[in-house]
């Protein structure tokens, strides 16, 4: 593909990205603040976090066994 062809395609893409950005809703509140507290006092969420932590720890090598000779 020649340079002029690439530049033409890039210009089209830049125009399309600008159009898509204009369609995005503008919110004065960050997205994470809108979901803050969603799982407060939810035992299922607490259990999921505990199980996730146990799983991640199971993937780590046991630091004590590496000291055994």
N, C-alpha and C. Protein backbone atom coordinates (compact mmCIF):
# COMPACT_ATOMS: atom_id res chain seq x y z
N UNK A 1 0.85 -1.17 0.00
CA UNK A 1 0.00 0.00 0.00
C UNK A 1 0.90 1.24 0.00
N UNK A 2 0.55 2.20 -0.83
CA UNK A 2 1.39 3.40 -0.94
C UNK A 2 1.10 4.36 0.20
N UNK A 3 2.01 5.30 0.38
CA UNK A 3 1.86 6.29 1.44
C UNK A 3 0.58 7.12 1.29
N UNK A 4 0.25 7.61 0.09
CA UNK A 4 -1.00 8.36 -0.04
C UNK A 4 -2.24 7.53 0.32
N UNK A 5 -2.22 6.24 -0.03
CA UNK A 5 -3.34 5.37 0.32
C UNK A 5 -3.47 5.20 1.83
N UNK A 6 -2.33 5.02 2.48
CA UNK A 6 -2.33 4.88 3.95
C UNK A 6 -2.83 6.16 4.59
N UNK A 7 -2.35 7.31 4.10
CA UNK A 7 -2.78 8.59 4.65
C UNK A 7 -4.28 8.81 4.46
N UNK A 8 -4.80 8.40 3.33
CA UNK A 8 -6.24 8.55 3.06
C UNK A 8 -7.04 7.67 4.02
N UNK A 9 -6.61 6.43 4.20
CA UNK A 9 -7.30 5.53 5.12
C UNK A 9 -7.22 6.04 6.55
N UNK A 10 -6.07 6.58 6.93
CA UNK A 10 -5.90 7.13 8.27
C UNK A 10 -6.83 8.32 8.49
N UNK A 11 -6.97 9.16 7.50
CA UNK A 11 -7.87 10.32 7.62
C UNK A 11 -9.32 9.85 7.81
N UNK A 12 -9.71 8.81 7.09
CA UNK A 12 -11.07 8.27 7.25
C UNK A 12 -11.26 7.72 8.66
N UNK A 13 -10.27 6.99 9.14
CA UNK A 13 -10.36 6.43 10.49
C UNK A 13 -10.41 7.52 11.55
N UNK A 14 -9.60 8.56 11.40
CA UNK A 14 -9.61 9.66 12.36
C UNK A 14 -10.97 10.34 12.39
N UNK A 15 -11.59 10.51 11.24
CA UNK A 15 -12.92 11.11 11.16
C UNK A 15 -13.94 10.23 11.87
N UNK A 16 -13.85 8.94 11.63
CA UNK A 16 -14.78 8.00 12.26
C UNK A 16 -14.61 7.97 13.77
N UNK A 17 -13.38 7.97 14.26
CA UNK A 17 -13.13 7.98 15.70
C UNK A 17 -13.68 9.26 16.32
N UNK A 18 -13.49 10.39 15.68
CA UNK A 18 -14.03 11.65 16.19
C UNK A 18 -15.55 11.59 16.27
N UNK A 19 -16.18 11.00 15.25
CA UNK A 19 -17.64 10.87 15.26
C UNK A 19 -18.11 9.97 16.40
N UNK A 20 -17.41 8.87 16.61
CA UNK A 20 -17.78 7.96 17.69
C UNK A 20 -17.59 8.60 19.06
N UNK A 21 -16.52 9.37 19.23
CA UNK A 21 -16.30 10.05 20.50
C UNK A 21 -17.41 11.04 20.82
N UNK A 22 -17.97 11.67 19.80
CA UNK A 22 -19.06 12.61 20.02
C UNK A 22 -20.32 11.90 20.50
N UNK A 23 -20.46 10.62 20.18
CA UNK A 23 -21.64 9.87 20.58
C UNK A 23 -21.55 9.36 22.02
N UNK A 24 -20.37 9.36 22.61
CA UNK A 24 -20.21 8.88 23.97
C UNK A 24 -20.89 9.81 24.96
N UNK A 25 -21.57 9.25 25.94
CA UNK A 25 -22.20 10.09 26.96
C UNK A 25 -21.13 10.73 27.84
N UNK A 26 -21.33 11.96 28.18
CA UNK A 26 -20.41 12.68 29.04
C UNK A 26 -21.03 12.72 30.44
N UNK A 27 -20.31 12.17 31.40
CA UNK A 27 -20.81 12.11 32.76
C UNK A 27 -19.84 12.84 33.67
N UNK A 28 -20.35 13.69 34.55
CA UNK A 28 -19.46 14.38 35.49
C UNK A 28 -18.95 13.44 36.59
N UNK A 29 -19.58 12.27 36.71
CA UNK A 29 -19.20 11.30 37.74
C UNK A 29 -18.40 10.18 37.08
N UNK A 30 -17.22 9.87 37.62
CA UNK A 30 -16.45 8.74 37.07
C UNK A 30 -17.24 7.44 37.17
N UNK A 31 -17.05 6.52 36.22
CA UNK A 31 -17.81 5.28 36.17
C UNK A 31 -17.70 4.48 37.44
N UNK A 32 -16.51 4.48 38.06
CA UNK A 32 -16.31 3.65 39.23
C UNK A 32 -17.10 4.17 40.42
N UNK A 33 -17.40 5.45 40.46
CA UNK A 33 -18.21 5.99 41.55
C UNK A 33 -19.68 5.59 41.41
N UNK A 34 -20.11 5.31 40.19
CA UNK A 34 -21.50 4.91 39.99
C UNK A 34 -21.75 3.48 40.48
N UNK A 35 -20.69 2.65 40.60
CA UNK A 35 -20.87 1.28 41.07
C UNK A 35 -20.33 1.08 42.48
N UNK A 36 -19.79 2.14 43.07
CA UNK A 36 -19.23 2.07 44.41
C UNK A 36 -20.28 1.58 45.40
N UNK A 37 -19.96 0.56 46.16
CA UNK A 37 -20.87 0.03 47.16
C UNK A 37 -21.89 -0.96 46.65
N UNK A 38 -21.81 -1.32 45.40
CA UNK A 38 -22.79 -2.24 44.82
C UNK A 38 -22.82 -3.57 45.56
N UNK A 39 -21.66 -4.04 46.02
CA UNK A 39 -21.58 -5.34 46.67
C UNK A 39 -21.45 -5.24 48.19
N UNK A 40 -21.77 -4.09 48.76
CA UNK A 40 -21.67 -3.92 50.21
C UNK A 40 -22.60 -4.92 50.91
N UNK A 41 -22.08 -5.55 51.93
CA UNK A 41 -22.84 -6.51 52.75
C UNK A 41 -23.41 -7.66 51.92
N UNK A 42 -22.68 -8.09 50.89
CA UNK A 42 -23.12 -9.19 50.04
C UNK A 42 -22.23 -10.40 50.35
N UNK A 43 -22.80 -11.40 51.01
CA UNK A 43 -22.00 -12.56 51.42
C UNK A 43 -21.47 -13.34 50.21
N UNK A 44 -22.21 -13.36 49.13
CA UNK A 44 -21.74 -14.07 47.93
C UNK A 44 -20.49 -13.39 47.37
N UNK A 45 -20.46 -12.06 47.38
CA UNK A 45 -19.29 -11.33 46.91
C UNK A 45 -18.10 -11.61 47.82
N UNK A 46 -18.33 -11.57 49.13
CA UNK A 46 -17.24 -11.84 50.08
C UNK A 46 -16.67 -13.23 49.87
N UNK A 47 -17.55 -14.21 49.64
CA UNK A 47 -17.10 -15.58 49.41
C UNK A 47 -16.30 -15.67 48.10
N UNK A 48 -16.77 -14.99 47.07
CA UNK A 48 -16.06 -15.00 45.79
C UNK A 48 -14.67 -14.40 45.94
N UNK A 49 -14.55 -13.33 46.70
CA UNK A 49 -13.24 -12.71 46.91
C UNK A 49 -12.32 -13.65 47.69
N UNK A 50 -12.87 -14.34 48.68
CA UNK A 50 -12.08 -15.28 49.47
C UNK A 50 -11.60 -16.45 48.60
N UNK A 51 -12.50 -17.00 47.80
CA UNK A 51 -12.12 -18.10 46.91
C UNK A 51 -11.08 -17.66 45.88
N UNK A 52 -11.22 -16.44 45.37
CA UNK A 52 -10.24 -15.92 44.42
C UNK A 52 -8.87 -15.79 45.05
N UNK A 53 -8.84 -15.30 46.30
CA UNK A 53 -7.57 -15.16 46.99
C UNK A 53 -6.93 -16.52 47.23
N UNK A 54 -7.74 -17.49 47.65
CA UNK A 54 -7.21 -18.84 47.87
C UNK A 54 -6.65 -19.42 46.57
N UNK A 55 -7.34 -19.19 45.46
CA UNK A 55 -6.87 -19.69 44.18
C UNK A 55 -5.54 -19.04 43.79
N UNK A 56 -5.46 -17.72 43.91
CA UNK A 56 -4.21 -17.03 43.56
C UNK A 56 -3.06 -17.51 44.43
N UNK A 57 -3.33 -17.72 45.71
CA UNK A 57 -2.28 -18.21 46.61
C UNK A 57 -1.85 -19.63 46.24
N UNK A 58 -2.79 -20.42 45.73
CA UNK A 58 -2.44 -21.79 45.34
C UNK A 58 -1.52 -21.81 44.13
N UNK A 59 -1.50 -20.74 43.36
CA UNK A 59 -0.64 -20.67 42.18
C UNK A 59 0.79 -20.27 42.52
N UNK A 60 0.97 -19.67 43.69
CA UNK A 60 2.30 -19.22 44.11
C UNK A 60 3.06 -20.38 44.72
N UNK A 61 4.34 -20.47 44.41
CA UNK A 61 5.14 -21.52 45.04
C UNK A 61 5.23 -21.25 46.56
N UNK A 62 5.28 -22.32 47.30
CA UNK A 62 5.37 -22.20 48.76
C UNK A 62 6.76 -21.65 49.12
N UNK A 63 6.79 -20.47 49.73
CA UNK A 63 8.07 -19.83 50.02
C UNK A 63 8.86 -20.61 51.06
N UNK A 64 8.18 -21.31 51.99
CA UNK A 64 8.89 -22.08 53.02
C UNK A 64 9.58 -23.31 52.41
N UNK A 65 8.98 -23.95 51.42
CA UNK A 65 9.57 -25.15 50.84
C UNK A 65 10.84 -24.83 50.05
N UNK A 66 10.98 -23.60 49.57
CA UNK A 66 12.18 -23.25 48.83
C UNK A 66 13.39 -23.11 49.75
N UNK A 67 13.13 -22.97 51.07
CA UNK A 67 14.23 -22.86 52.01
C UNK A 67 14.72 -24.22 52.48
N UNK A 68 13.91 -25.27 52.28
CA UNK A 68 14.32 -26.61 52.69
C UNK A 68 15.45 -27.12 51.80
N UNK A 69 16.42 -27.73 52.45
CA UNK A 69 17.57 -28.26 51.69
C UNK A 69 17.65 -29.75 51.85
